[in-house]
């Protein structure tokens, strides 16, 4: 079994990640149905999502140990702790998403008030911001990227360029969100609320695929998980909480589509630059643990 896993690291990683991540939802759904009722999801849903949160990092650490041993784990630790880089990388990681979303909302709100963000419409703004930050860090970047960027990205970069790596991983990343999104899209009777489900389904491909390309590019340039974690956390915090809109259905679809367009423009720039500089698959991505700081 170990030899089979080492010979097929990416299929093994994705398969095991999906099994672990979806296990909680599938077990609960056997007794409560699919999707969950809105009341059940709001009250007990978070407990069933714990395996979802743990899937990418637990499997990522396991696969790193099996495939690359102590050297691989040391390399992962080095990238996780590599904080010495130009401050511009930190600023980009934390501010690119809110700046882009704010610009989009500024334009859209001139056509309709439904595009007023929650940071303005919500009464308890401090709670909204704190919840967004904590969810972004713990429920998004910090845990997920140990697996996605810590293990899957270096494996994909052995064969593919930055853009292809991001799109491939982004496809699996979007699919990974499918079951939680569907399970949490039930109405009070446990029927699928399509107005709630479809915009979420759209965003988890149209947004996450190009966004993953940017995260792969960021990791390539810094050889650090820290800015990747911060940028992932920023996406979760702002698009789902701080700069989210209260409306669902078509307005939310338009909002996500505009953001997707901005992200694909960024991907086009990255791809053009990648081709111009002749960036190629990276082979073994510093598996011995040597990290080059970007100053």
C-alpha atoms as a PDB file:
ATOM      1  CA  UNK A   1       0.000   0.000   0.000  1.00  0.00           C
ATOM      2  CA  UNK A   2       2.807   2.407   0.909  1.00  0.00           C
ATOM      3  CA  UNK A   3       4.530   1.749  -2.415  1.00  0.00           C
ATOM      4  CA  UNK A   4       1.259   2.323  -4.282  1.00  0.00           C
ATOM      5  CA  UNK A   5       0.771   5.657  -2.503  1.00  0.00           C
ATOM      6  CA  UNK A   6       4.359   6.772  -3.189  1.00  0.00           C
ATOM      7  CA  UNK A   7       3.967   5.927  -6.872  1.00  0.00           C
ATOM      8  CA  UNK A   8       0.669   7.835  -7.106  1.00  0.00           C
ATOM      9  CA  UNK A   9       1.009  10.717  -4.631  1.00  0.00           C
ATOM     10  CA  UNK A  10      -1.539  13.116  -6.125  1.00  0.00           C
ATOM     11  CA  UNK A  11      -4.387  10.632  -6.737  1.00  0.00           C
ATOM     12  CA  UNK A  12      -3.792   9.259  -3.242  1.00  0.00           C
ATOM     13  CA  UNK A  13      -3.790  12.731  -1.700  1.00  0.00           C
ATOM     14  CA  UNK A  14      -7.005  13.859  -3.372  1.00  0.00           C
ATOM     15  CA  UNK A  15      -8.812  10.576  -2.697  1.00  0.00           C
ATOM     16  CA  UNK A  16      -7.856  10.468   0.981  1.00  0.00           C
ATOM     17  CA  UNK A  17      -8.593  14.171   1.453  1.00  0.00           C
ATOM     18  CA  UNK A  18     -12.088  13.797   0.035  1.00  0.00           C
ATOM     19  CA  UNK A  19     -12.784  10.683   2.116  1.00  0.00           C
ATOM     20  CA  UNK A  20     -11.715  12.358   5.362  1.00  0.00           C
ATOM     21  CA  UNK A  21     -13.258  15.736   4.556  1.00  0.00           C
ATOM     22  CA  UNK A  22     -16.662  14.431   3.502  1.00  0.00           C
ATOM     23  CA  UNK A  23     -16.946  11.701   6.136  1.00  0.00           C
ATOM     24  CA  UNK A  24     -18.645  13.846   8.775  1.00  0.00           C
ATOM     25  CA  UNK A  25     -21.290  15.184   6.402  1.00  0.00           C
ATOM     26  CA  UNK A  26     -22.011  11.772   4.862  1.00  0.00           C
ATOM     27  CA  UNK A  27     -22.399  10.094   8.252  1.00  0.00           C
ATOM     28  CA  UNK A  28     -24.783  12.784   9.511  1.00  0.00           C
ATOM     29  CA  UNK A  29     -26.678  12.811   6.201  1.00  0.00           C
ATOM     30  CA  UNK A  30     -27.429   9.094   6.594  1.00  0.00           C
ATOM     31  CA  UNK A  31     -29.652  10.012   9.534  1.00  0.00           C
ATOM     32  CA  UNK A  32     -30.869  13.510   8.647  1.00  0.00           C
ATOM     33  CA  UNK A  33     -30.983  13.503   4.851  1.00  0.00           C
ATOM     34  CA  UNK A  34     -29.291  15.602   2.186  1.00  0.00           C
ATOM     35  CA  UNK A  35     -29.290  18.554   2.275  1.00  0.00           C
ATOM     36  CA  UNK A  36     -29.725  19.406   5.938  1.00  0.00           C
ATOM     37  CA  UNK A  37     -32.589  21.584   7.069  1.00  0.00           C
ATOM     38  CA  UNK A  38     -31.570  25.185   7.634  1.00  0.00           C
ATOM     39  CA  UNK A  39     -32.280  24.870  11.370  1.00  0.00           C
ATOM     40  CA  UNK A  40     -30.135  21.749  11.724  1.00  0.00           C
ATOM     41  CA  UNK A  41     -27.285  23.203   9.695  1.00  0.00           C
ATOM     42  CA  UNK A  42     -27.217  26.432  11.705  1.00  0.00           C
ATOM     43  CA  UNK A  43     -27.311  24.652  15.072  1.00  0.00           C
ATOM     44  CA  UNK A  44     -25.332  21.431  14.567  1.00  0.00           C
ATOM     45  CA  UNK A  45     -23.698  21.840  11.165  1.00  0.00           C
ATOM     46  CA  UNK A  46     -20.306  23.105  12.392  1.00  0.00           C
ATOM     47  CA  UNK A  47     -19.615  19.844  14.257  1.00  0.00           C
ATOM     48  CA  UNK A  48     -20.105  17.783  11.091  1.00  0.00           C
ATOM     49  CA  UNK A  49     -17.744  20.121   9.229  1.00  0.00           C
ATOM     50  CA  UNK A  50     -14.787  19.434  11.538  1.00  0.00           C
ATOM     51  CA  UNK A  51     -13.557  16.525   9.359  1.00  0.00           C
ATOM     52  CA  UNK A  52     -13.869  18.845   6.348  1.00  0.00           C
ATOM     53  CA  UNK A  53     -11.506  21.268   8.033  1.00  0.00           C
ATOM     54  CA  UNK A  54      -9.050  18.553   9.056  1.00  0.00           C
ATOM     55  CA  UNK A  55      -8.949  16.654   5.757  1.00  0.00           C
ATOM     56  CA  UNK A  56      -6.401  18.713   3.778  1.00  0.00           C
ATOM     57  CA  UNK A  57      -3.825  19.229   6.579  1.00  0.00           C
ATOM     58  CA  UNK A  58      -4.007  15.757   8.126  1.00  0.00           C
ATOM     59  CA  UNK A  59      -3.730  13.991   4.775  1.00  0.00           C
ATOM     60  CA  UNK A  60      -1.103  16.503   3.635  1.00  0.00           C
ATOM     61  CA  UNK A  61       1.131  15.753   6.620  1.00  0.00           C
ATOM     62  CA  UNK A  62       0.556  12.014   6.231  1.00  0.00           C
ATOM     63  CA  UNK A  63       1.389  12.064   2.521  1.00  0.00           C
ATOM     64  CA  UNK A  64       4.464  14.239   3.069  1.00  0.00           C
ATOM     65  CA  UNK A  65       5.774  11.767   5.621  1.00  0.00           C
ATOM     66  CA  UNK A  66       5.069   8.743   3.429  1.00  0.00           C
ATOM     67  CA  UNK A  67       6.388  10.196   0.170  1.00  0.00           C
ATOM     68  CA  UNK A  68       9.295  12.339   1.359  1.00  0.00           C
ATOM     69  CA  UNK A  69      10.086  11.266   4.920  1.00  0.00           C
ATOM     70  CA  UNK A  70      11.831  13.553   7.371  1.00  0.00           C
ATOM     71  CA  UNK A  71      13.329  15.731   4.646  1.00  0.00           C
ATOM     72  CA  UNK A  72       9.856  16.438   3.287  1.00  0.00           C
ATOM     73  CA  UNK A  73       8.451  17.256   6.718  1.00  0.00           C
ATOM     74  CA  UNK A  74      11.413  19.538   7.386  1.00  0.00           C
ATOM     75  CA  UNK A  75      10.840  21.295   4.074  1.00  0.00           C
ATOM     76  CA  UNK A  76       7.163  21.765   4.911  1.00  0.00           C
ATOM     77  CA  UNK A  77       8.072  23.166   8.322  1.00  0.00           C
ATOM     78  CA  UNK A  78      10.612  25.522   6.720  1.00  0.00           C
ATOM     79  CA  UNK A  79       8.046  26.883   4.262  1.00  0.00           C
ATOM     80  CA  UNK A  80       5.485  27.195   7.046  1.00  0.00           C
ATOM     81  CA  UNK A  81       7.871  29.280   9.167  1.00  0.00           C
ATOM     82  CA  UNK A  82       9.572  31.254   6.386  1.00  0.00           C
ATOM     83  CA  UNK A  83       8.499  34.813   7.265  1.00  0.00           C
ATOM     84  CA  UNK A  84      11.500  36.812   6.013  1.00  0.00           C
ATOM     85  CA  UNK A  85      10.416  38.468   2.792  1.00  0.00           C
ATOM     86  CA  UNK A  86       9.695  41.905   1.416  1.00  0.00           C
ATOM     87  CA  UNK A  87       6.754  43.508   3.198  1.00  0.00           C
ATOM     88  CA  UNK A  88       5.126  44.031  -0.202  1.00  0.00           C
ATOM     89  CA  UNK A  89       4.249  40.329  -0.273  1.00  0.00           C
ATOM     90  CA  UNK A  90       2.409  40.646   3.043  1.00  0.00           C
ATOM     91  CA  UNK A  91       0.559  43.738   1.881  1.00  0.00           C
ATOM     92  CA  UNK A  92      -0.486  42.047  -1.330  1.00  0.00           C
ATOM     93  CA  UNK A  93      -1.618  38.910   0.477  1.00  0.00           C
ATOM     94  CA  UNK A  94      -3.791  40.827   2.928  1.00  0.00           C
ATOM     95  CA  UNK A  95      -5.057  43.741   0.829  1.00  0.00           C
ATOM     96  CA  UNK A  96      -5.483  42.514  -2.762  1.00  0.00           C
ATOM     97  CA  UNK A  97      -8.837  40.822  -2.119  1.00  0.00           C
ATOM     98  CA  UNK A  98     -10.516  43.592  -0.082  1.00  0.00           C
ATOM     99  CA  UNK A  99      -9.310  46.273  -2.507  1.00  0.00           C
ATOM    100  CA  UNK A 100     -10.663  44.343  -5.511  1.00  0.00           C
ATOM    101  CA  UNK A 101     -13.982  43.564  -3.807  1.00  0.00           C
ATOM    102  CA  UNK A 102     -14.385  47.155  -2.609  1.00  0.00           C
ATOM    103  CA  UNK A 103     -13.847  48.471  -6.130  1.00  0.00           C
ATOM    104  CA  UNK A 104     -16.410  46.020  -7.517  1.00  0.00           C
ATOM    105  CA  UNK A 105     -18.969  46.930  -4.861  1.00  0.00           C
ATOM    106  CA  UNK A 106     -18.375  50.627  -5.435  1.00  0.00           C
ATOM    107  CA  UNK A 107     -19.328  50.206  -9.087  1.00  0.00           C
ATOM    108  CA  UNK A 108     -22.230  47.798  -8.515  1.00  0.00           C
ATOM    109  CA  UNK A 109     -23.733  49.838  -5.673  1.00  0.00           C
ATOM    110  CA  UNK A 110     -24.152  52.755  -8.073  1.00  0.00           C
ATOM    111  CA  UNK A 111     -26.763  50.612  -9.848  1.00  0.00           C
ATOM    112  CA  UNK A 112     -28.486  49.030  -6.845  1.00  0.00           C
ATOM    113  CA  UNK A 113     -28.464  49.228  -3.047  1.00  0.00           C
ATOM    114  CA  UNK A 114     -28.434  45.422  -2.810  1.00  0.00           C
ATOM    115  CA  UNK A 115     -24.675  45.641  -3.320  1.00  0.00           C
ATOM    116  CA  UNK A 116     -24.115  47.465  -0.045  1.00  0.00           C
ATOM    117  CA  UNK A 117     -21.690  45.263   1.944  1.00  0.00           C
ATOM    118  CA  UNK A 118     -22.495  43.797   5.340  1.00  0.00           C
ATOM    119  CA  UNK A 119     -19.823  45.890   7.037  1.00  0.00           C
ATOM    120  CA  UNK A 120     -22.197  48.804   6.433  1.00  0.00           C
ATOM    121  CA  UNK A 121     -25.582  47.106   6.872  1.00  0.00           C
ATOM    122  CA  UNK A 122     -24.827  44.877   9.872  1.00  0.00           C
ATOM    123  CA  UNK A 123     -25.415  46.244  13.352  1.00  0.00           C
ATOM    124  CA  UNK A 124     -22.552  44.487  15.146  1.00  0.00           C
ATOM    125  CA  UNK A 125     -19.654  45.297  12.842  1.00  0.00           C
ATOM    126  CA  UNK A 126     -16.931  44.319  15.293  1.00  0.00           C
ATOM    127  CA  UNK A 127     -18.398  40.837  15.659  1.00  0.00           C
ATOM    128  CA  UNK A 128     -18.628  40.536  11.867  1.00  0.00           C
ATOM    129  CA  UNK A 129     -14.966  41.462  11.410  1.00  0.00           C
ATOM    130  CA  UNK A 130     -13.720  39.194  14.217  1.00  0.00           C
ATOM    131  CA  UNK A 131     -15.808  36.264  12.964  1.00  0.00           C
ATOM    132  CA  UNK A 132     -14.518  36.813   9.444  1.00  0.00           C
ATOM    133  CA  UNK A 133     -10.876  36.956  10.513  1.00  0.00           C
ATOM    134  CA  UNK A 134     -11.085  33.886  12.757  1.00  0.00           C
ATOM    135  CA  UNK A 135     -13.006  31.888  10.161  1.00  0.00           C
ATOM    136  CA  UNK A 136     -10.571  32.966   7.466  1.00  0.00           C
ATOM    137  CA  UNK A 137      -7.514  31.938   9.444  1.00  0.00           C
ATOM    138  CA  UNK A 138      -8.763  28.798  11.175  1.00  0.00           C
ATOM    139  CA  UNK A 139     -11.514  27.693   8.809  1.00  0.00           C
ATOM    140  CA  UNK A 140      -9.599  28.561   5.677  1.00  0.00           C
ATOM    141  CA  UNK A 141      -5.951  29.402   5.246  1.00  0.00           C
ATOM    142  CA  UNK A 142      -4.171  27.971   8.263  1.00  0.00           C
ATOM    143  CA  UNK A 143      -5.542  24.446   8.038  1.00  0.00           C
ATOM    144  CA  UNK A 144      -6.250  24.008   4.335  1.00  0.00           C
ATOM    145  CA  UNK A 145      -2.967  25.313   2.968  1.00  0.00           C
ATOM    146  CA  UNK A 146      -0.878  22.800   4.897  1.00  0.00           C
ATOM    147  CA  UNK A 147      -2.333  20.282   2.477  1.00  0.00           C
ATOM    148  CA  UNK A 148      -3.135  22.179  -0.722  1.00  0.00           C
ATOM    149  CA  UNK A 149       0.047  24.269  -0.870  1.00  0.00           C
ATOM    150  CA  UNK A 150       2.158  22.240   1.526  1.00  0.00           C
ATOM    151  CA  UNK A 151       1.844  18.977  -0.402  1.00  0.00           C
ATOM    152  CA  UNK A 152      -0.265  19.159  -3.572  1.00  0.00           C
ATOM    153  CA  UNK A 153       1.330  22.253  -5.125  1.00  0.00           C
ATOM    154  CA  UNK A 154       4.943  20.975  -5.028  1.00  0.00           C
ATOM    155  CA  UNK A 155       3.799  17.653  -6.489  1.00  0.00           C
ATOM    156  CA  UNK A 156       1.912  19.349  -9.320  1.00  0.00           C
ATOM    157  CA  UNK A 157       4.772  21.779  -9.989  1.00  0.00           C
ATOM    158  CA  UNK A 158       7.021  18.837 -10.813  1.00  0.00           C
ATOM    159  CA  UNK A 159       5.058  18.461 -14.064  1.00  0.00           C
ATOM    160  CA  UNK A 160       3.108  21.663 -14.682  1.00  0.00           C
ATOM    161  CA  UNK A 161       3.669  25.406 -14.910  1.00  0.00           C
ATOM    162  CA  UNK A 162       2.132  27.865 -12.462  1.00  0.00           C
ATOM    163  CA  UNK A 163      -1.126  28.414 -14.346  1.00  0.00           C
ATOM    164  CA  UNK A 164      -1.810  24.752 -15.062  1.00  0.00           C
ATOM    165  CA  UNK A 165      -0.961  23.814 -11.480  1.00  0.00           C
ATOM    166  CA  UNK A 166      -3.379  26.424 -10.163  1.00  0.00           C
ATOM    167  CA  UNK A 167      -6.213  25.446 -12.488  1.00  0.00           C
ATOM    168  CA  UNK A 168      -5.846  21.727 -11.784  1.00  0.00           C
ATOM    169  CA  UNK A 169      -5.699  22.206  -8.031  1.00  0.00           C
ATOM    170  CA  UNK A 170      -8.437  24.838  -8.217  1.00  0.00           C
ATOM    171  CA  UNK A 171     -10.721  22.319  -9.913  1.00  0.00           C
ATOM    172  CA  UNK A 172     -10.257  19.841  -7.074  1.00  0.00           C
ATOM    173  CA  UNK A 173     -10.515  22.654  -4.518  1.00  0.00           C
ATOM    174  CA  UNK A 174     -13.867  23.687  -5.953  1.00  0.00           C
ATOM    175  CA  UNK A 175     -15.101  20.090  -6.035  1.00  0.00           C
ATOM    176  CA  UNK A 176     -13.977  19.669  -2.417  1.00  0.00           C
ATOM    177  CA  UNK A 177     -16.432  22.447  -1.469  1.00  0.00           C
ATOM    178  CA  UNK A 178     -19.344  20.875  -3.374  1.00  0.00           C
ATOM    179  CA  UNK A 179     -20.708  18.573  -0.662  1.00  0.00           C
ATOM    180  CA  UNK A 180     -20.500  21.120   2.198  1.00  0.00           C
ATOM    181  CA  UNK A 181     -22.169  23.759   0.010  1.00  0.00           C
ATOM    182  CA  UNK A 182     -24.975  21.411  -1.034  1.00  0.00           C
ATOM    183  CA  UNK A 183     -25.462  20.100   2.510  1.00  0.00           C
ATOM    184  CA  UNK A 184     -25.737  23.657   3.830  1.00  0.00           C
ATOM    185  CA  UNK A 185     -28.137  24.843   1.124  1.00  0.00           C
ATOM    186  CA  UNK A 186     -31.304  23.282   2.495  1.00  0.00           C
ATOM    187  CA  UNK A 187     -34.427  25.255   3.365  1.00  0.00           C
ATOM    188  CA  UNK A 188     -36.468  24.809   6.536  1.00  0.00           C
ATOM    189  CA  UNK A 189     -37.922  21.567   5.132  1.00  0.00           C
ATOM    190  CA  UNK A 190     -34.613  20.105   3.977  1.00  0.00           C
ATOM    191  CA  UNK A 191     -35.192  20.806   0.283  1.00  0.00           C
ATOM    192  CA  UNK A 192     -32.407  22.304  -1.826  1.00  0.00           C
ATOM    193  CA  UNK A 193     -32.690  26.094  -1.907  1.00  0.00           C
ATOM    194  CA  UNK A 194     -31.440  26.693  -5.436  1.00  0.00           C
ATOM    195  CA  UNK A 195     -31.211  30.455  -4.943  1.00  0.00           C
ATOM    196  CA  UNK A 196     -28.756  29.759  -2.141  1.00  0.00           C
ATOM    197  CA  UNK A 197     -27.001  26.777  -3.726  1.00  0.00           C
ATOM    198  CA  UNK A 198     -26.307  27.889  -7.300  1.00  0.00           C
ATOM    199  CA  UNK A 199     -24.366  31.133  -6.602  1.00  0.00           C
ATOM    200  CA  UNK A 200     -22.213  29.214  -4.131  1.00  0.00           C
ATOM    201  CA  UNK A 201     -21.623  26.425  -6.628  1.00  0.00           C
ATOM    202  CA  UNK A 202     -20.694  28.967  -9.304  1.00  0.00           C
ATOM    203  CA  UNK A 203     -18.251  30.820  -7.070  1.00  0.00           C
ATOM    204  CA  UNK A 204     -16.466  27.660  -6.007  1.00  0.00           C
ATOM    205  CA  UNK A 205     -15.308  27.168  -9.577  1.00  0.00           C
ATOM    206  CA  UNK A 206     -15.364  30.596 -11.226  1.00  0.00           C
ATOM    207  CA  UNK A 207     -13.647  32.231  -8.244  1.00  0.00           C
ATOM    208  CA  UNK A 208     -11.578  29.489  -6.652  1.00  0.00           C
ATOM    209  CA  UNK A 209      -9.877  28.232  -9.811  1.00  0.00           C
ATOM    210  CA  UNK A 210      -8.289  31.564 -10.819  1.00  0.00           C
ATOM    211  CA  UNK A 211      -7.675  32.439  -7.173  1.00  0.00           C
ATOM    212  CA  UNK A 212      -5.704  29.225  -6.750  1.00  0.00           C
ATOM    213  CA  UNK A 213      -3.466  30.208  -9.680  1.00  0.00           C
ATOM    214  CA  UNK A 214      -2.623  33.411  -7.800  1.00  0.00           C
ATOM    215  CA  UNK A 215      -1.869  31.424  -4.635  1.00  0.00           C
ATOM    216  CA  UNK A 216       0.434  29.075  -6.557  1.00  0.00           C
ATOM    217  CA  UNK A 217       2.219  32.066  -8.086  1.00  0.00           C
ATOM    218  CA  UNK A 218       2.564  33.646  -4.634  1.00  0.00           C
ATOM    219  CA  UNK A 219       4.067  30.468  -3.217  1.00  0.00           C
ATOM    220  CA  UNK A 220       6.451  30.151  -6.162  1.00  0.00           C
ATOM    221  CA  UNK A 221       7.709  33.680  -5.624  1.00  0.00           C
ATOM    222  CA  UNK A 222       8.091  33.522  -1.837  1.00  0.00           C
ATOM    223  CA  UNK A 223       8.643  29.813  -1.102  1.00  0.00           C
ATOM    224  CA  UNK A 224       6.541  30.428   1.994  1.00  0.00           C
ATOM    225  CA  UNK A 225       3.133  29.245   3.165  1.00  0.00           C
ATOM    226  CA  UNK A 226       2.583  32.384   5.252  1.00  0.00           C
ATOM    227  CA  UNK A 227       1.463  34.805   2.493  1.00  0.00           C
ATOM    228  CA  UNK A 228      -0.607  32.015   0.925  1.00  0.00           C
ATOM    229  CA  UNK A 229      -2.362  31.408   4.246  1.00  0.00           C
ATOM    230  CA  UNK A 230      -2.950  35.134   4.701  1.00  0.00           C
ATOM    231  CA  UNK A 231      -4.362  35.610   1.204  1.00  0.00           C
ATOM    232  CA  UNK A 232      -6.633  32.576   1.559  1.00  0.00           C
ATOM    233  CA  UNK A 233      -7.801  33.894   4.930  1.00  0.00           C
ATOM    234  CA  UNK A 234      -8.411  37.305   3.377  1.00  0.00           C
ATOM    235  CA  UNK A 235     -10.640  35.764   0.704  1.00  0.00           C
ATOM    236  CA  UNK A 236     -12.742  33.897   3.264  1.00  0.00           C
ATOM    237  CA  UNK A 237     -12.990  36.839   5.647  1.00  0.00           C
ATOM    238  CA  UNK A 238     -13.995  39.447   3.095  1.00  0.00           C
ATOM    239  CA  UNK A 239     -16.072  37.647   0.475  1.00  0.00           C
ATOM    240  CA  UNK A 240     -18.068  35.612   3.019  1.00  0.00           C
ATOM    241  CA  UNK A 241     -18.298  38.123   5.854  1.00  0.00           C
ATOM    242  CA  UNK A 242     -16.996  41.689   5.829  1.00  0.00           C
ATOM    243  CA  UNK A 243     -17.674  42.571   2.181  1.00  0.00           C
ATOM    244  CA  UNK A 244     -20.393  40.013   1.554  1.00  0.00           C
ATOM    245  CA  UNK A 245     -23.845  41.216   0.536  1.00  0.00           C
ATOM    246  CA  UNK A 246     -27.126  40.223   2.145  1.00  0.00           C
ATOM    247  CA  UNK A 247     -28.833  39.474  -1.167  1.00  0.00           C
ATOM    248  CA  UNK A 248     -28.794  35.995  -2.700  1.00  0.00           C
ATOM    249  CA  UNK A 249     -29.697  34.747  -6.163  1.00  0.00           C
ATOM    250  CA  UNK A 250     -28.874  36.934  -9.168  1.00  0.00           C
ATOM    251  CA  UNK A 251     -27.194  39.832  -7.267  1.00  0.00           C
ATOM    252  CA  UNK A 252     -24.812  37.427  -5.547  1.00  0.00           C
ATOM    253  CA  UNK A 253     -24.141  35.694  -8.868  1.00  0.00           C
ATOM    254  CA  UNK A 254     -23.285  39.050 -10.492  1.00  0.00           C
ATOM    255  CA  UNK A 255     -21.000  39.972  -7.585  1.00  0.00           C
ATOM    256  CA  UNK A 256     -19.127  36.665  -7.833  1.00  0.00           C
ATOM    257  CA  UNK A 257     -18.961  36.884 -11.634  1.00  0.00           C
ATOM    258  CA  UNK A 258     -17.362  40.340 -11.473  1.00  0.00           C
ATOM    259  CA  UNK A 259     -14.792  39.138  -8.967  1.00  0.00           C
ATOM    260  CA  UNK A 260     -14.108  36.091 -11.121  1.00  0.00           C
ATOM    261  CA  UNK A 261     -13.451  38.388 -14.074  1.00  0.00           C
ATOM    262  CA  UNK A 262     -10.924  40.404 -12.080  1.00  0.00           C
ATOM    263  CA  UNK A 263      -9.179  37.219 -10.975  1.00  0.00           C
ATOM    264  CA  UNK A 264      -8.950  35.858 -14.509  1.00  0.00           C
ATOM    265  CA  UNK A 265      -7.365  39.130 -15.630  1.00  0.00           C
ATOM    266  CA  UNK A 266      -4.739  38.595 -12.935  1.00  0.00           C
ATOM    267  CA  UNK A 267      -4.271  35.015 -14.140  1.00  0.00           C
ATOM    268  CA  UNK A 268      -3.762  36.249 -17.711  1.00  0.00           C
ATOM    269  CA  UNK A 269      -1.028  38.589 -16.489  1.00  0.00           C
ATOM    270  CA  UNK A 270       0.615  35.804 -14.488  1.00  0.00           C
ATOM    271  CA  UNK A 271       0.457  33.440 -17.467  1.00  0.00           C
ATOM    272  CA  UNK A 272       1.946  36.015 -19.837  1.00  0.00           C
ATOM    273  CA  UNK A 273       4.739  36.806 -17.384  1.00  0.00           C
ATOM    274  CA  UNK A 274       5.330  33.113 -16.778  1.00  0.00           C
ATOM    275  CA  UNK A 275       5.791  32.501 -20.506  1.00  0.00           C
ATOM    276  CA  UNK A 276       7.966  35.571 -20.966  1.00  0.00           C
ATOM    277  CA  UNK A 277      10.340  34.594 -18.183  1.00  0.00           C
ATOM    278  CA  UNK A 278      10.373  30.973 -19.280  1.00  0.00           C
ATOM    279  CA  UNK A 279       9.195  29.602 -15.961  1.00  0.00           C
ATOM    280  CA  UNK A 280       8.992  25.817 -16.105  1.00  0.00           C
ATOM    281  CA  UNK A 281       7.908  22.944 -13.862  1.00  0.00           C
ATOM    282  CA  UNK A 282      10.110  23.055 -10.808  1.00  0.00           C
ATOM    283  CA  UNK A 283      11.037  19.383 -10.512  1.00  0.00           C
ATOM    284  CA  UNK A 284      11.610  18.496  -6.883  1.00  0.00           C
ATOM    285  CA  UNK A 285      10.648  21.643  -5.039  1.00  0.00           C
ATOM    286  CA  UNK A 286      13.501  21.967  -2.572  1.00  0.00           C
ATOM    287  CA  UNK A 287      12.638  18.689  -0.900  1.00  0.00           C
ATOM    288  CA  UNK A 288      15.820  18.851   1.134  1.00  0.00           C
ATOM    289  CA  UNK A 289      14.456  21.873   2.908  1.00  0.00           C
ATOM    290  CA  UNK A 290      16.592  24.696   1.580  1.00  0.00           C
ATOM    291  CA  UNK A 291      14.476  27.824   1.367  1.00  0.00           C
ATOM    292  CA  UNK A 292      15.377  30.951  -0.546  1.00  0.00           C
ATOM    293  CA  UNK A 293      14.027  34.077   1.086  1.00  0.00           C
ATOM    294  CA  UNK A 294      12.574  36.697  -1.204  1.00  0.00           C
ATOM    295  CA  UNK A 295      13.904  40.083  -0.180  1.00  0.00           C
END
